[in-house]
Protein backbone atom coordinates (compact mmCIF):
# COMPACT_ATOMS: atom_id res chain seq x y z
CA MET A 1 -10.65 23.80 32.10
CA ARG A 2 -9.04 22.63 28.76
CA GLN A 3 -5.45 23.62 29.82
CA GLU A 4 -5.79 21.83 33.21
CA LEU A 5 -7.06 19.05 31.09
CA ALA A 6 -4.49 19.48 28.76
CA ASP A 7 -1.50 19.43 31.49
CA LYS A 8 -2.86 16.24 33.08
CA ILE A 9 -3.56 14.08 30.35
CA CYS A 10 -1.15 15.00 28.14
CA GLY A 11 1.48 16.87 29.77
CA TYR A 12 1.39 19.80 27.64
CA LYS A 13 2.20 22.84 28.99
CA PHE A 14 0.96 26.67 29.04
CA ALA A 15 2.74 29.96 28.98
CA GLN A 16 1.65 31.63 32.49
CA PRO A 17 -0.09 35.50 31.80
CA GLY A 18 2.39 38.00 30.93
CA MET A 19 4.88 35.99 30.11
CA VAL A 20 6.71 34.44 26.66
CA LEU A 21 7.35 31.33 25.87
CA GLN A 22 11.33 30.86 24.50
CA HIS A 23 12.64 29.11 21.88
CA ASP A 24 14.30 26.23 24.39
CA GLU A 25 11.28 26.07 25.57
CA VAL A 26 9.75 23.99 23.37
CA ASP A 27 9.67 20.79 21.86
CA TRP A 28 9.84 21.28 17.93
CA CYS A 29 8.49 19.06 14.85
CA THR A 30 9.00 19.44 11.25
CA LEU A 31 5.88 18.82 9.31
CA LEU A 32 6.76 17.63 5.87
CA THR A 33 4.10 18.45 2.54
CA ASP A 34 2.38 15.95 0.81
CA PRO A 35 4.64 14.42 -1.72
CA PRO A 36 3.94 15.20 -5.75
CA PRO A 37 1.72 12.43 -6.79
CA ALA A 38 4.75 11.39 -9.47
CA VAL A 39 6.51 10.84 -6.33
CA ILE A 40 4.34 8.53 -4.69
CA GLU A 41 4.32 6.00 -7.79
CA PHE A 42 7.61 6.53 -8.17
CA VAL A 43 8.24 4.83 -4.53
CA GLU A 44 4.93 2.71 -5.16
CA THR A 45 7.11 1.05 -8.05
CA PHE A 46 9.46 -0.55 -5.36
CA ASN A 47 7.24 -1.78 -2.90
CA GLY A 48 6.84 -6.01 -3.68
CA VAL A 49 10.40 -5.88 -5.78
CA TYR A 50 13.22 -4.40 -3.46
CA ASP A 51 13.75 -5.09 0.19
CA ASN A 52 14.94 -1.79 0.98
CA ILE A 53 14.55 1.43 -0.51
CA GLU A 54 18.52 2.01 -0.87
CA GLU A 55 18.35 -1.09 -3.47
CA PRO A 56 17.20 0.61 -6.51
CA PHE A 57 19.72 3.80 -6.12
CA LYS A 58 22.74 1.81 -6.21
CA ILE A 59 21.38 -0.02 -9.34
CA MET A 60 21.03 3.33 -11.35
CA ASP A 61 24.31 5.02 -9.82
CA ALA A 62 26.10 3.74 -12.82
CA SER A 63 29.69 5.60 -12.14
CA GLY A 64 29.38 4.31 -7.95
CA ASP A 65 30.14 8.06 -6.88
CA GLY A 66 27.40 7.50 -4.84
CA ASN A 67 25.42 10.16 -6.70
CA ILE A 68 22.71 10.06 -9.47
CA SER A 69 22.42 13.01 -12.26
CA ARG A 70 19.23 13.21 -13.51
CA THR A 71 21.24 12.14 -17.54
CA GLU A 72 21.76 8.70 -15.15
CA MET A 73 18.29 8.74 -13.90
CA LEU A 74 16.55 8.73 -17.18
CA SER A 75 18.98 6.40 -18.66
CA PHE A 76 19.22 3.91 -15.57
CA ALA A 77 15.74 3.66 -14.55
CA ARG A 78 15.15 1.18 -17.58
CA ARG A 79 17.39 -0.97 -15.52
CA ILE A 80 14.75 -0.39 -11.90
CA GLY A 81 11.90 -1.35 -14.22
CA ILE A 82 10.80 2.08 -15.68
CA GLY A 83 11.02 1.74 -19.48
CA ASP A 84 8.99 3.23 -22.40
CA GLU A 85 5.70 2.08 -20.94
CA PRO A 86 4.02 3.38 -18.00
CA PRO A 87 4.66 1.93 -14.79
CA ARG A 88 1.83 -0.64 -12.78
CA THR A 89 1.23 2.54 -10.37
CA ILE A 90 0.60 5.20 -12.50
CA ARG A 91 -2.98 6.34 -11.79
CA GLU A 92 -3.38 8.14 -15.38
CA PRO A 93 -1.45 5.92 -18.01
CA GLU A 94 -2.63 7.79 -20.94
CA ASN A 95 -1.41 10.98 -19.96
CA TRP A 96 1.86 9.61 -18.88
CA ASP A 97 5.51 11.19 -20.18
CA ARG A 98 7.95 8.98 -19.32
CA LYS A 99 10.79 12.16 -19.20
CA ALA A 100 8.34 14.72 -17.44
CA TRP A 101 7.78 12.16 -14.51
CA LEU A 102 11.38 11.58 -13.83
CA THR A 103 12.50 14.91 -14.10
CA GLU A 104 9.34 15.78 -11.51
CA VAL A 105 11.15 13.23 -9.31
CA PHE A 106 14.27 14.04 -9.76
CA ARG A 107 13.54 17.77 -8.97
CA TYR A 108 11.78 16.62 -5.55
CA LEU A 109 15.12 14.83 -4.52
CA ASP A 110 17.34 17.41 -5.61
CA PRO A 111 15.54 20.64 -3.65
CA ASP A 112 18.56 23.02 -4.00
CA GLY A 113 19.23 22.21 -7.84
CA GLY A 114 22.89 20.81 -7.16
CA GLY A 115 22.13 18.52 -10.36
CA GLU A 116 22.93 15.50 -8.28
CA VAL A 117 20.73 13.37 -5.63
CA SER A 118 22.74 11.54 -2.87
CA MET A 119 21.86 8.29 -1.35
CA GLU A 120 21.09 11.24 1.82
CA GLU A 121 18.24 12.54 -0.37
CA TRP A 122 17.34 9.83 -2.02
CA MET A 123 16.31 8.50 1.97
CA VAL A 124 13.78 11.18 1.71
CA LEU A 125 11.83 8.46 -0.03
CA GLY A 126 12.04 5.86 2.47
CA GLU A 127 9.44 7.27 5.13
CA ILE A 128 6.92 6.63 1.87
CA PHE A 129 8.37 3.41 0.90
CA GLU A 130 8.24 2.27 4.85
CA ALA A 131 4.56 4.13 4.79
CA GLN A 132 3.43 1.91 1.74
CA GLN A 133 4.90 -1.40 3.70
CA VAL A 134 2.45 -0.17 6.70
CA ALA A 135 -0.79 0.19 4.59
CA VAL A 136 0.00 -3.47 3.29
CA ARG A 137 0.49 -5.04 6.58
CA GLU A 138 -2.76 -2.95 7.73
CA LEU A 139 -5.01 -4.73 5.31
CA LEU A 140 -3.58 -8.32 5.43
CA GLU A 141 -3.99 -8.09 9.30
CA PHE A 142 -7.48 -6.71 8.76
CA LEU A 143 -8.73 -9.55 6.84
CA GLN A 144 -6.49 -12.19 9.38
CA LEU A 145 -8.67 -11.06 11.85
CA ARG A 146 -11.82 -10.81 9.71
CA PHE A 147 -11.39 -14.27 8.19
CA GLY A 148 -9.24 -16.12 10.70
CA THR A 149 -6.39 -16.95 8.19
CA GLN A 150 -5.05 -15.40 4.79
CA ASP A 151 -5.99 -18.25 2.87
CA ASN A 152 -10.08 -18.06 3.82
CA ALA A 153 -8.91 -14.25 2.92
CA TRP A 154 -7.80 -15.28 -0.40
CA GLN A 155 -10.97 -18.00 -1.06
CA TYR A 156 -12.85 -14.70 -0.51
CA ILE A 157 -11.12 -12.00 -2.38
CA SER A 158 -10.47 -14.64 -5.31
CA GLY A 159 -14.64 -15.05 -5.68
CA LEU A 160 -13.72 -18.82 -4.87
CA LYS A 161 -16.01 -18.35 -1.58
CA THR A 162 -18.74 -15.58 -0.74
CA LEU A 163 -19.17 -13.90 2.69
CA ALA A 164 -22.53 -16.60 3.63
CA ASP A 165 -20.14 -19.19 2.66
CA LEU A 166 -17.34 -18.61 4.78
CA ASP A 167 -19.39 -16.19 7.64
CA GLY A 168 -22.35 -18.03 7.73
CA GLU A 169 -25.36 -17.02 10.36
CA LYS A 170 -22.71 -14.99 11.95
CA VAL A 171 -22.59 -11.98 8.59
CA VAL A 172 -24.17 -9.21 9.41
CA GLN A 173 -26.02 -6.59 7.06
CA SER A 174 -23.86 -4.94 4.25
CA GLN A 175 -24.23 -1.71 5.54
CA GLY A 176 -23.16 -2.13 9.05
CA ASN A 177 -20.56 -3.74 11.12
CA ASN A 178 -19.28 -6.32 13.25
CA TRP A 179 -19.67 -4.53 16.17
CA GLY A 180 -23.23 -3.56 18.06
CA LYS A 181 -25.47 -5.13 15.29
CA SER A 182 -27.52 -8.34 15.50
CA THR A 183 -26.52 -11.20 13.21
CA THR A 184 -28.56 -11.29 9.54
CA ARG A 185 -27.82 -13.93 7.44
CA ARG A 186 -26.99 -11.98 4.05
CA PRO A 187 -27.07 -14.19 1.10
CA SER A 188 -24.91 -14.16 -1.72
CA THR A 189 -25.65 -12.03 -4.52
CA HIS A 190 -26.10 -13.66 -8.32
CA ALA A 191 -22.95 -12.10 -9.54
CA GLU A 192 -21.37 -13.57 -6.06
CA GLU A 193 -22.60 -17.04 -7.45
CA MET A 194 -21.29 -16.63 -10.99
CA ARG A 195 -18.29 -15.64 -10.07
CA LYS A 196 -17.51 -18.60 -7.65
CA LYS A 197 -18.64 -20.85 -10.48
CA ARG A 198 -16.22 -18.81 -12.78
CA ASN A 199 -13.17 -19.39 -10.79
CA THR A 200 -14.06 -22.82 -9.53
CA VAL A 201 -13.87 -24.20 -12.58
CA ILE A 202 -10.27 -22.08 -13.44
CA GLN A 203 -9.12 -23.80 -10.13
CA GLN A 204 -10.31 -26.93 -11.10
CA SER A 205 -8.44 -27.04 -14.33
CA GLY A 206 -5.20 -25.91 -13.08
CA GLN A 207 -4.42 -22.60 -13.54
CA GLU A 208 -4.37 -19.70 -11.23
CA ILE A 209 -6.76 -17.39 -10.83
CA GLU A 210 -6.24 -13.89 -10.77
CA ILE A 211 -8.05 -11.00 -9.97
CA THR A 212 -8.74 -7.49 -11.31
CA TYR A 213 -8.65 -3.89 -9.28
CA GLU A 214 -12.40 -3.83 -9.49
CA GLU A 215 -12.98 -7.74 -8.09
CA PHE A 216 -10.58 -6.42 -5.39
CA GLU A 217 -12.19 -3.16 -4.46
CA GLU A 218 -15.79 -4.59 -4.30
CA SER A 219 -14.70 -6.92 -2.25
CA MET A 220 -12.74 -4.53 0.00
CA LEU A 221 -15.75 -2.02 -0.21
CA ARG A 222 -18.50 -5.09 0.84
CA LEU A 223 -16.06 -5.57 4.39
CA ASN A 224 -16.45 -1.82 5.25
CA PHE A 225 -12.41 -1.17 4.48
CA ILE A 226 -10.93 1.81 4.43
CA GLY A 227 -7.88 2.61 2.82
CA GLU A 228 -5.71 3.33 -0.45
CA LEU A 229 -7.05 0.41 -2.65
CA LYS A 230 -5.02 1.59 -5.20
CA VAL A 231 -2.06 2.16 -3.74
CA LEU A 232 -2.34 -1.47 -2.01
CA PHE A 233 -3.48 -2.95 -4.83
CA SER A 234 -0.66 -1.97 -7.01
CA THR A 235 1.93 -2.80 -4.28
CA ILE A 236 0.36 -6.76 -4.42
CA ASP A 237 0.84 -6.34 -8.34
CA THR A 238 4.41 -7.36 -8.43
CA SER A 239 3.89 -8.38 -12.23
CA GLY A 240 2.39 -4.97 -13.03
CA ASP A 241 -0.03 -6.56 -15.42
CA GLY A 242 -2.93 -4.84 -13.72
CA ASN A 243 -4.33 -8.52 -12.24
CA ILE A 244 -3.67 -10.15 -8.84
CA ALA A 245 -2.23 -13.88 -8.97
CA GLU A 246 -2.65 -15.93 -6.13
CA SER A 247 0.73 -16.15 -6.22
CA GLU A 248 1.78 -12.73 -5.64
CA TRP A 249 -0.73 -12.60 -2.91
CA MET A 250 0.80 -15.41 -0.86
CA GLU A 251 4.36 -13.75 -1.72
CA ALA A 252 3.11 -10.30 -0.05
CA VAL A 253 1.56 -12.32 2.57
CA GLU A 254 4.24 -14.69 3.35
CA SER A 255 6.71 -11.77 3.20
CA ILE A 256 4.81 -9.15 5.40
CA LEU A 257 2.78 -11.66 8.10
CA GLY A 258 5.04 -15.08 7.53
CA ALA A 259 4.25 -18.31 6.04
CA THR A 260 2.48 -19.65 9.17
CA SER A 261 -0.63 -17.38 8.66
CA ILE A 262 -1.86 -18.52 5.37
CA LYS A 263 -2.89 -21.70 6.89
CA THR A 264 -3.00 -21.01 10.71
CA GLY A 265 -3.61 -17.47 11.45
CA ASP A 266 -0.41 -16.66 13.51
CA SER A 267 1.36 -13.67 12.49
């Protein structure tokens, strides 16, 4: 029964009783193992800074021969913003060792131990880079669907408006979602109102509002958003100061969804 359904719905084929499938009768695929954390963190430093994965390679290829040696990576990674201080993407900055971290990345890119990384080998990082870009796009699209425009989304993320301000009577219970739940107004908490007052004063003074990771995480969890929040936060935090300023947020929005999405919701 299961084989019949798999054949009709998905097009899967099965060997008949007593027969053995040959190698060329199978569509093969290769699944990559998860890259080491150091590699993920390394690629995250490029998001929001470079348009493509080739740019940092060319910057570090000091000799211009199309290859990067371990010495070049250790020396010229400074050119792409990896200096003596832990990059913004490091999960445990207190335990970060620059040389060991870069060496782990280099060994991942040089699996045959040849001592150099070619552009072709470097492009393995492209899939990670693109996946992180997709993750940010999905976050922004989620917020656009939820709030209508990115301007409204920032009003919420920054604490200038609460969910009650933006949704009114449409707000559902905090443990629910917008599907199959009766509408229940959830009043703003005292903490939300205090943050709203504080950031309104900051905005009125002409200063740029910045949000911490903790504030970002709390806001997203309240929306029942599931995702790699630390990765998303560090990708948008292009300054690497541990905060997301309004200019950084809108820059990410414009580069990924287009300027019209900020006010109109078009993407």
